N, C-alpha and C. Protein backbone atom coordinates (compact mmCIF):
# COMPACT_ATOMS: atom_id res chain seq x y z
N MET A 1 82.39 132.93 129.53
CA MET A 1 82.40 133.63 128.27
C MET A 1 81.52 134.87 128.42
N GLU A 2 82.01 135.98 127.89
CA GLU A 2 81.24 137.21 128.00
C GLU A 2 80.08 137.19 127.03
N GLU A 3 79.10 138.00 127.29
CA GLU A 3 77.89 138.06 126.50
C GLU A 3 78.17 138.36 124.99
N ALA A 4 79.08 139.27 124.76
CA ALA A 4 79.45 139.62 123.39
C ALA A 4 80.05 138.44 122.62
N ASP A 5 80.84 137.64 123.35
CA ASP A 5 81.47 136.44 122.76
C ASP A 5 80.36 135.44 122.41
N LYS A 6 79.38 135.24 123.34
CA LYS A 6 78.33 134.33 123.06
C LYS A 6 77.51 134.73 121.82
N GLU A 7 77.26 136.02 121.69
CA GLU A 7 76.49 136.53 120.53
C GLU A 7 77.25 136.28 119.26
N ALA A 8 78.57 136.62 119.31
CA ALA A 8 79.42 136.38 118.15
C ALA A 8 79.49 134.91 117.73
N GLY A 9 79.62 134.06 118.78
CA GLY A 9 79.65 132.61 118.50
C GLY A 9 78.32 132.12 117.90
N THR A 10 77.22 132.60 118.40
CA THR A 10 75.93 132.19 117.82
C THR A 10 75.79 132.72 116.42
N LEU A 11 76.17 133.96 116.17
CA LEU A 11 76.09 134.53 114.81
C LEU A 11 76.98 133.77 113.85
N PHE A 12 78.15 133.46 114.32
CA PHE A 12 79.09 132.75 113.46
C PHE A 12 78.59 131.28 113.18
N GLY A 13 78.07 130.72 114.26
CA GLY A 13 77.51 129.34 114.10
C GLY A 13 76.33 129.27 113.17
N ASN A 14 75.44 130.29 113.22
CA ASN A 14 74.31 130.38 112.31
C ASN A 14 74.82 130.65 110.88
N TYR A 15 75.81 131.40 110.69
CA TYR A 15 76.38 131.66 109.39
C TYR A 15 76.91 130.37 108.78
N LEU A 16 77.70 129.60 109.54
CA LEU A 16 78.29 128.39 109.12
C LEU A 16 77.19 127.36 108.77
N ALA A 17 76.16 127.25 109.60
CA ALA A 17 75.03 126.32 109.32
C ALA A 17 74.36 126.73 107.99
N GLN A 18 74.09 128.00 107.81
CA GLN A 18 73.45 128.46 106.55
C GLN A 18 74.35 128.15 105.37
N GLU A 19 75.65 128.42 105.46
CA GLU A 19 76.57 128.15 104.43
C GLU A 19 76.61 126.62 104.10
N ALA A 20 76.62 125.81 105.10
CA ALA A 20 76.65 124.33 104.87
C ALA A 20 75.37 123.86 104.16
N ASN A 21 74.25 124.44 104.56
CA ASN A 21 72.97 124.06 103.92
C ASN A 21 72.96 124.47 102.44
N GLU A 22 73.46 125.70 102.16
CA GLU A 22 73.46 126.19 100.80
C GLU A 22 74.46 125.36 99.93
N ALA A 23 75.58 125.00 100.50
CA ALA A 23 76.57 124.14 99.78
C ALA A 23 75.95 122.78 99.55
N SER A 24 75.28 122.23 100.47
CA SER A 24 74.65 120.93 100.31
C SER A 24 73.62 120.99 99.20
N HIS A 25 72.79 122.05 99.14
CA HIS A 25 71.80 122.21 98.10
C HIS A 25 72.48 122.23 96.73
N ILE A 26 73.58 123.01 96.61
CA ILE A 26 74.26 123.11 95.33
C ILE A 26 74.84 121.77 94.91
N LYS A 27 75.43 121.02 95.83
CA LYS A 27 76.03 119.73 95.51
C LYS A 27 74.94 118.77 95.05
N GLN A 28 73.75 118.88 95.58
CA GLN A 28 72.63 117.96 95.24
C GLN A 28 72.00 118.34 93.92
N SER A 29 71.89 119.63 93.59
CA SER A 29 71.17 120.00 92.41
C SER A 29 71.98 120.53 91.24
N ALA A 30 73.10 121.07 91.41
CA ALA A 30 73.92 121.67 90.33
C ALA A 30 74.65 120.55 89.60
N PRO A 31 74.78 120.62 88.29
CA PRO A 31 75.51 119.63 87.53
C PRO A 31 77.02 119.72 87.83
N VAL A 32 77.66 118.59 87.91
CA VAL A 32 79.09 118.52 88.05
C VAL A 32 79.67 118.50 86.62
N MET A 33 80.42 119.56 86.26
CA MET A 33 80.97 119.65 84.93
C MET A 33 82.40 119.20 84.84
N ILE A 34 83.17 119.40 85.88
CA ILE A 34 84.61 119.07 85.89
C ILE A 34 84.99 118.42 87.19
N VAL A 35 85.70 117.30 87.14
CA VAL A 35 86.18 116.60 88.36
C VAL A 35 87.68 116.52 88.18
N ILE A 36 88.45 117.09 89.08
CA ILE A 36 89.88 117.13 89.08
C ILE A 36 90.42 116.56 90.39
N GLY A 37 91.46 115.74 90.33
CA GLY A 37 91.98 115.26 91.57
C GLY A 37 93.12 114.30 91.45
N ASN A 38 93.60 113.90 92.59
CA ASN A 38 94.62 112.92 92.74
C ASN A 38 94.13 111.94 93.78
N PRO A 39 93.25 111.02 93.40
CA PRO A 39 92.66 110.11 94.38
C PRO A 39 93.68 109.23 95.05
N PRO A 40 93.36 108.77 96.24
CA PRO A 40 94.26 107.85 96.91
C PRO A 40 94.33 106.50 96.24
N TYR A 41 95.47 105.83 96.36
CA TYR A 41 95.63 104.48 95.81
C TYR A 41 95.63 103.57 97.02
N SER A 42 94.61 102.73 97.16
CA SER A 42 94.50 101.92 98.30
C SER A 42 93.69 100.60 97.95
N VAL A 43 94.46 99.56 97.68
CA VAL A 43 93.83 98.27 97.36
C VAL A 43 92.95 97.81 98.53
N SER A 44 93.40 98.03 99.69
CA SER A 44 92.65 97.64 100.91
C SER A 44 91.75 98.80 101.37
N SER A 45 90.84 99.16 100.50
CA SER A 45 89.98 100.27 100.74
C SER A 45 89.07 100.09 101.97
N ASN A 46 88.92 101.14 102.75
CA ASN A 46 87.89 101.15 103.81
C ASN A 46 86.55 101.70 103.30
N ASN A 47 86.52 102.21 102.12
CA ASN A 47 85.33 102.75 101.52
C ASN A 47 84.51 101.66 100.95
N LYS A 48 83.65 101.02 101.73
CA LYS A 48 82.92 99.85 101.31
C LYS A 48 81.40 100.09 101.25
N GLY A 49 81.04 101.37 100.95
CA GLY A 49 79.63 101.72 100.87
C GLY A 49 78.89 100.97 99.76
N GLU A 50 77.65 100.66 100.07
CA GLU A 50 76.84 99.90 99.06
C GLU A 50 76.69 100.61 97.74
N TRP A 51 76.48 101.94 97.87
CA TRP A 51 76.21 102.75 96.63
C TRP A 51 77.41 102.66 95.69
N ILE A 52 78.60 102.94 96.15
CA ILE A 52 79.76 102.96 95.21
C ILE A 52 80.07 101.60 94.78
N ASN A 53 79.89 100.57 95.62
CA ASN A 53 80.11 99.20 95.18
C ASN A 53 79.14 98.78 94.08
N GLN A 54 77.93 99.25 94.12
CA GLN A 54 76.98 98.97 93.04
C GLN A 54 77.46 99.64 91.75
N LEU A 55 77.96 100.89 91.85
CA LEU A 55 78.53 101.54 90.62
C LEU A 55 79.67 100.75 90.05
N LEU A 56 80.51 100.18 90.92
CA LEU A 56 81.71 99.42 90.50
C LEU A 56 81.29 98.13 89.75
N ASP A 57 80.11 97.64 89.98
CA ASP A 57 79.66 96.44 89.30
C ASP A 57 79.77 96.59 87.81
N ASP A 58 79.67 97.77 87.23
CA ASP A 58 79.81 98.01 85.81
C ASP A 58 81.21 97.63 85.37
N TYR A 59 82.26 97.77 86.24
CA TYR A 59 83.64 97.47 85.92
C TYR A 59 83.92 95.96 86.14
N LYS A 60 83.04 95.25 86.81
CA LYS A 60 83.30 93.87 87.18
C LYS A 60 82.48 92.89 86.39
N GLN A 61 81.65 93.35 85.44
CA GLN A 61 80.80 92.46 84.64
C GLN A 61 81.63 91.58 83.73
N ASN A 62 81.19 90.39 83.57
CA ASN A 62 81.78 89.41 82.62
C ASN A 62 83.23 89.18 82.72
N LEU A 63 83.74 89.30 83.92
CA LEU A 63 85.16 88.99 84.15
C LEU A 63 85.23 87.56 84.73
N ASN A 64 85.99 86.75 84.16
CA ASN A 64 86.17 85.37 84.66
C ASN A 64 87.58 85.25 85.27
N GLU A 65 87.85 86.14 86.20
CA GLU A 65 89.14 86.17 86.89
C GLU A 65 88.96 85.71 88.33
N ARG A 66 90.02 85.14 88.84
CA ARG A 66 89.99 84.68 90.28
C ARG A 66 89.90 85.81 91.24
N ASN A 67 90.72 86.87 90.98
CA ASN A 67 90.83 87.97 91.95
C ASN A 67 90.51 89.26 91.26
N ILE A 68 89.35 89.80 91.53
CA ILE A 68 88.97 91.10 90.97
C ILE A 68 88.97 92.15 92.12
N GLN A 69 89.49 91.79 93.27
CA GLN A 69 89.56 92.70 94.42
C GLN A 69 90.29 93.98 94.11
N PRO A 70 91.35 93.98 93.26
CA PRO A 70 91.98 95.28 92.94
C PRO A 70 91.04 96.24 92.26
N LEU A 71 89.91 95.89 91.69
CA LEU A 71 88.98 96.76 91.11
C LEU A 71 88.22 97.54 92.24
N SER A 72 88.43 97.22 93.48
CA SER A 72 87.85 97.98 94.60
C SER A 72 88.81 98.97 95.14
N ASP A 73 89.90 99.17 94.47
CA ASP A 73 90.87 100.19 94.88
C ASP A 73 90.25 101.61 94.92
N ASP A 74 90.63 102.41 95.89
CA ASP A 74 90.03 103.78 95.98
C ASP A 74 90.17 104.59 94.72
N TYR A 75 91.29 104.46 94.03
CA TYR A 75 91.45 105.33 92.85
C TYR A 75 90.47 104.89 91.79
N ILE A 76 90.08 103.65 91.68
CA ILE A 76 89.06 103.17 90.75
C ILE A 76 87.71 103.69 91.21
N LYS A 77 87.44 103.67 92.46
CA LYS A 77 86.15 104.20 92.96
C LYS A 77 86.02 105.69 92.60
N PHE A 78 87.08 106.47 92.75
CA PHE A 78 87.04 107.86 92.34
C PHE A 78 86.81 108.05 90.91
N ILE A 79 87.44 107.23 90.03
CA ILE A 79 87.14 107.34 88.57
C ILE A 79 85.74 106.99 88.33
N ARG A 80 85.23 105.97 88.97
CA ARG A 80 83.82 105.51 88.72
C ARG A 80 82.84 106.63 89.22
N LEU A 81 83.13 107.22 90.35
CA LEU A 81 82.28 108.29 90.88
C LEU A 81 82.21 109.48 89.93
N ALA A 82 83.40 109.83 89.40
CA ALA A 82 83.49 110.97 88.42
C ALA A 82 82.73 110.60 87.16
N GLN A 83 82.85 109.37 86.72
CA GLN A 83 82.14 108.89 85.53
C GLN A 83 80.65 109.03 85.77
N HIS A 84 80.20 108.67 86.93
CA HIS A 84 78.75 108.76 87.30
C HIS A 84 78.30 110.16 87.19
N TYR A 85 78.98 111.16 87.72
CA TYR A 85 78.62 112.50 87.65
C TYR A 85 78.54 113.06 86.21
N VAL A 86 79.51 112.68 85.38
CA VAL A 86 79.52 113.13 84.06
C VAL A 86 78.36 112.53 83.24
N GLU A 87 78.13 111.14 83.47
CA GLU A 87 77.04 110.53 82.83
C GLU A 87 75.74 111.18 83.21
N ARG A 88 75.55 111.52 84.42
CA ARG A 88 74.28 112.12 84.94
C ARG A 88 74.09 113.49 84.32
N ASN A 89 75.23 114.18 84.14
CA ASN A 89 75.12 115.55 83.54
C ASN A 89 75.02 115.49 82.06
N GLY A 90 75.56 114.47 81.36
CA GLY A 90 75.53 114.39 79.92
C GLY A 90 76.77 115.05 79.28
N GLU A 91 77.57 115.67 80.03
CA GLU A 91 78.85 116.23 79.56
C GLU A 91 79.73 116.57 80.66
N GLY A 92 81.02 116.69 80.39
CA GLY A 92 81.97 117.01 81.42
C GLY A 92 83.36 116.50 81.20
N ILE A 93 84.28 116.88 82.11
CA ILE A 93 85.64 116.51 82.04
C ILE A 93 86.12 115.89 83.36
N VAL A 94 86.82 114.80 83.30
CA VAL A 94 87.50 114.22 84.41
C VAL A 94 88.96 114.26 84.20
N ALA A 95 89.70 114.81 85.17
CA ALA A 95 91.19 114.91 85.04
C ALA A 95 91.79 114.44 86.37
N TYR A 96 92.42 113.30 86.34
CA TYR A 96 93.04 112.70 87.49
C TYR A 96 94.49 112.35 87.25
N ILE A 97 95.28 112.48 88.28
CA ILE A 97 96.57 111.85 88.37
C ILE A 97 96.28 110.58 89.24
N SER A 98 96.58 109.42 88.66
CA SER A 98 96.22 108.19 89.40
C SER A 98 97.21 107.07 89.17
N ASN A 99 97.05 106.03 89.90
CA ASN A 99 97.63 104.75 89.65
C ASN A 99 97.47 104.45 88.24
N ASN A 100 98.46 103.88 87.52
CA ASN A 100 98.35 103.62 86.12
C ASN A 100 97.96 102.13 85.77
N SER A 101 97.72 101.33 86.78
CA SER A 101 97.46 99.90 86.49
C SER A 101 96.25 99.62 85.68
N PHE A 102 95.29 100.58 85.58
CA PHE A 102 94.08 100.32 84.82
C PHE A 102 94.40 100.39 83.31
N ILE A 103 95.50 100.97 82.89
CA ILE A 103 95.83 101.17 81.48
C ILE A 103 96.00 99.82 80.78
N ASP A 104 96.75 98.94 81.44
CA ASP A 104 96.97 97.59 80.74
C ASP A 104 96.68 96.34 81.62
N GLY A 105 96.06 96.58 82.80
CA GLY A 105 95.74 95.43 83.67
C GLY A 105 94.70 94.62 83.10
N LEU A 106 94.89 93.27 83.15
CA LEU A 106 93.92 92.33 82.60
C LEU A 106 92.56 92.51 83.19
N ILE A 107 92.49 92.61 84.50
CA ILE A 107 91.19 92.69 85.23
C ILE A 107 90.47 94.07 84.96
N HIS A 108 91.22 94.98 84.34
CA HIS A 108 90.62 96.32 84.15
C HIS A 108 89.99 96.44 82.78
N ARG A 109 89.88 95.39 82.00
CA ARG A 109 89.43 95.45 80.61
C ARG A 109 87.95 95.98 80.55
N GLN A 110 87.10 95.56 81.47
CA GLN A 110 85.69 96.03 81.47
C GLN A 110 85.64 97.50 81.85
N MET A 111 86.54 97.93 82.73
CA MET A 111 86.59 99.30 83.17
C MET A 111 86.94 100.20 81.92
N ARG A 112 87.95 99.75 81.19
CA ARG A 112 88.40 100.47 79.99
C ARG A 112 87.26 100.56 78.96
N LYS A 113 86.57 99.44 78.80
CA LYS A 113 85.46 99.39 77.88
C LYS A 113 84.36 100.40 78.31
N GLU A 114 84.02 100.46 79.62
CA GLU A 114 83.05 101.42 80.12
C GLU A 114 83.51 102.85 79.93
N LEU A 115 84.74 103.11 80.19
CA LEU A 115 85.30 104.49 79.96
C LEU A 115 85.15 104.87 78.52
N MET A 116 85.46 103.96 77.61
CA MET A 116 85.39 104.23 76.16
C MET A 116 83.96 104.43 75.74
N ARG A 117 83.06 103.67 76.40
CA ARG A 117 81.63 103.82 76.07
C ARG A 117 81.12 105.26 76.46
N VAL A 118 81.52 105.74 77.63
CA VAL A 118 80.95 106.94 78.18
C VAL A 118 81.64 108.22 77.66
N PHE A 119 82.94 108.20 77.52
CA PHE A 119 83.71 109.44 77.12
C PHE A 119 83.98 109.46 75.65
N ASP A 120 83.93 110.63 75.08
CA ASP A 120 84.19 110.87 73.71
C ASP A 120 85.65 110.90 73.37
N LYS A 121 86.42 111.47 74.31
CA LYS A 121 87.86 111.59 74.12
C LYS A 121 88.54 111.18 75.42
N ILE A 122 89.59 110.40 75.24
CA ILE A 122 90.40 109.96 76.40
C ILE A 122 91.85 110.24 76.09
N TYR A 123 92.43 110.90 77.06
CA TYR A 123 93.90 111.25 76.91
C TYR A 123 94.60 110.67 78.13
N ILE A 124 95.63 109.86 77.93
CA ILE A 124 96.33 109.33 78.99
C ILE A 124 97.86 109.48 78.78
N LEU A 125 98.46 110.11 79.75
CA LEU A 125 99.91 110.23 79.73
C LEU A 125 100.48 109.31 80.79
N ASP A 126 101.02 108.20 80.30
CA ASP A 126 101.56 107.21 81.21
C ASP A 126 102.95 107.62 81.70
N LEU A 127 103.16 107.96 82.93
CA LEU A 127 104.37 108.35 83.53
C LEU A 127 105.22 107.20 83.90
N HIS A 128 104.69 105.96 83.76
CA HIS A 128 105.41 104.71 84.17
C HIS A 128 105.84 104.72 85.57
N GLY A 129 107.00 104.24 85.87
CA GLY A 129 107.57 104.30 87.22
C GLY A 129 107.21 103.20 88.16
N ASN A 130 106.57 102.13 87.66
CA ASN A 130 106.17 101.06 88.58
C ASN A 130 107.45 100.21 88.83
N THR A 131 107.88 100.22 90.09
CA THR A 131 109.11 99.51 90.42
C THR A 131 108.93 97.98 90.34
N ARG A 132 107.72 97.46 90.50
CA ARG A 132 107.51 96.07 90.36
C ARG A 132 107.66 95.51 88.92
N LYS A 133 107.36 96.35 87.95
CA LYS A 133 107.49 95.96 86.57
C LYS A 133 108.93 96.03 86.04
N LYS A 134 109.78 96.62 86.79
CA LYS A 134 111.17 96.75 86.38
C LYS A 134 111.37 97.36 84.95
N GLU A 135 110.54 98.40 84.74
CA GLU A 135 110.63 99.07 83.40
C GLU A 135 111.91 99.88 83.35
N THR A 136 112.36 100.12 82.18
CA THR A 136 113.57 100.89 81.95
C THR A 136 113.26 102.08 81.02
N THR A 137 114.15 103.04 81.10
CA THR A 137 114.06 104.23 80.15
C THR A 137 114.49 103.83 78.80
N PRO A 138 114.19 104.63 77.81
CA PRO A 138 114.64 104.30 76.45
C PRO A 138 116.12 104.07 76.29
N ASP A 139 116.94 104.73 77.16
CA ASP A 139 118.40 104.46 77.09
C ASP A 139 118.86 103.28 78.00
N GLY A 140 117.85 102.57 78.57
CA GLY A 140 118.17 101.41 79.37
C GLY A 140 118.40 101.64 80.86
N GLY A 141 118.22 102.91 81.25
CA GLY A 141 118.36 103.24 82.70
C GLY A 141 117.13 102.82 83.54
N LYS A 142 117.29 102.99 84.84
CA LYS A 142 116.17 102.68 85.71
C LYS A 142 115.03 103.68 85.56
N ASP A 143 113.81 103.17 85.40
CA ASP A 143 112.66 104.01 85.26
C ASP A 143 112.13 104.36 86.63
N GLU A 144 112.39 105.57 87.05
CA GLU A 144 112.01 106.02 88.43
C GLU A 144 110.71 106.82 88.38
N ASN A 145 109.91 106.64 89.37
CA ASN A 145 108.64 107.39 89.48
C ASN A 145 108.92 108.82 89.82
N VAL A 146 108.22 109.77 89.17
CA VAL A 146 108.45 111.15 89.43
C VAL A 146 107.96 111.59 90.84
N PHE A 147 107.14 110.73 91.42
CA PHE A 147 106.49 111.05 92.73
C PHE A 147 107.17 110.32 93.88
N ASP A 148 108.23 109.59 93.66
CA ASP A 148 108.96 108.85 94.62
C ASP A 148 108.07 107.87 95.42
N ILE A 149 107.30 107.15 94.56
CA ILE A 149 106.44 106.06 95.15
C ILE A 149 106.72 104.80 94.27
N MET A 150 106.33 103.65 94.72
CA MET A 150 106.59 102.39 93.97
C MET A 150 105.58 102.19 92.88
N GLN A 151 104.41 102.66 92.97
CA GLN A 151 103.32 102.43 92.04
C GLN A 151 103.50 103.34 90.83
N GLY A 152 103.24 102.81 89.60
CA GLY A 152 103.28 103.64 88.39
C GLY A 152 102.10 104.66 88.41
N VAL A 153 102.34 105.66 87.72
CA VAL A 153 101.35 106.82 87.68
C VAL A 153 101.03 107.22 86.28
N SER A 154 99.80 107.76 86.12
CA SER A 154 99.38 108.32 84.85
C SER A 154 98.58 109.62 85.10
N ILE A 155 98.60 110.46 84.06
CA ILE A 155 97.75 111.66 84.06
C ILE A 155 96.66 111.30 83.06
N ASN A 156 95.36 111.36 83.50
CA ASN A 156 94.24 110.94 82.65
C ASN A 156 93.25 112.04 82.54
N ILE A 157 92.83 112.27 81.31
CA ILE A 157 91.79 113.24 81.04
C ILE A 157 90.70 112.56 80.21
N PHE A 158 89.50 112.52 80.71
CA PHE A 158 88.36 111.92 80.08
C PHE A 158 87.37 113.05 79.77
N VAL A 159 86.90 113.05 78.47
CA VAL A 159 86.04 114.22 78.04
C VAL A 159 84.79 113.66 77.47
N LYS A 160 83.69 114.10 77.95
CA LYS A 160 82.38 113.80 77.36
C LYS A 160 81.80 115.18 76.82
N LEU A 161 81.69 115.20 75.53
CA LEU A 161 81.18 116.37 74.82
C LEU A 161 79.70 116.51 74.90
N PRO A 162 79.17 117.72 74.92
CA PRO A 162 77.71 117.88 74.94
C PRO A 162 77.13 117.38 73.67
N LYS A 163 75.91 116.83 73.71
CA LYS A 163 75.20 116.40 72.51
C LYS A 163 74.83 117.64 71.69
N LYS A 164 74.92 117.51 70.40
CA LYS A 164 74.61 118.65 69.52
C LYS A 164 73.16 118.53 69.09
């Protein structure tokens, strides 16, 4: 490598390191006001960190169900993470396209209760489309998912208003 290339690489590397440090500082100290996404749906999550699992305990309290493992789905972890940021900030908006099983799932009742406790307004547009439920359209036709997947989907907006 020529000397000029080495200098450019060092300069670029220093710039990236500085940028990463500044981004990390902002992520640590700045309030998260809006969380938008399409989290993965994965019942067999590999994300088994102690911190997120402790947060999920809020969704698993007082459930006398045999199998609460679906509450460890990645999309639920993402909702809980966003809830954490909004609670910490005291206000904010969460907008996700996600698996819709939390809307009416029996084991999700504590999750729904927590979401209603934290957020002032909740908007859910259930797009349906779960092939396992064999739902039909109002005219009796096959209810197909708009995303060409088997799992039902919803668009969810959770709003926590600032305290007056």
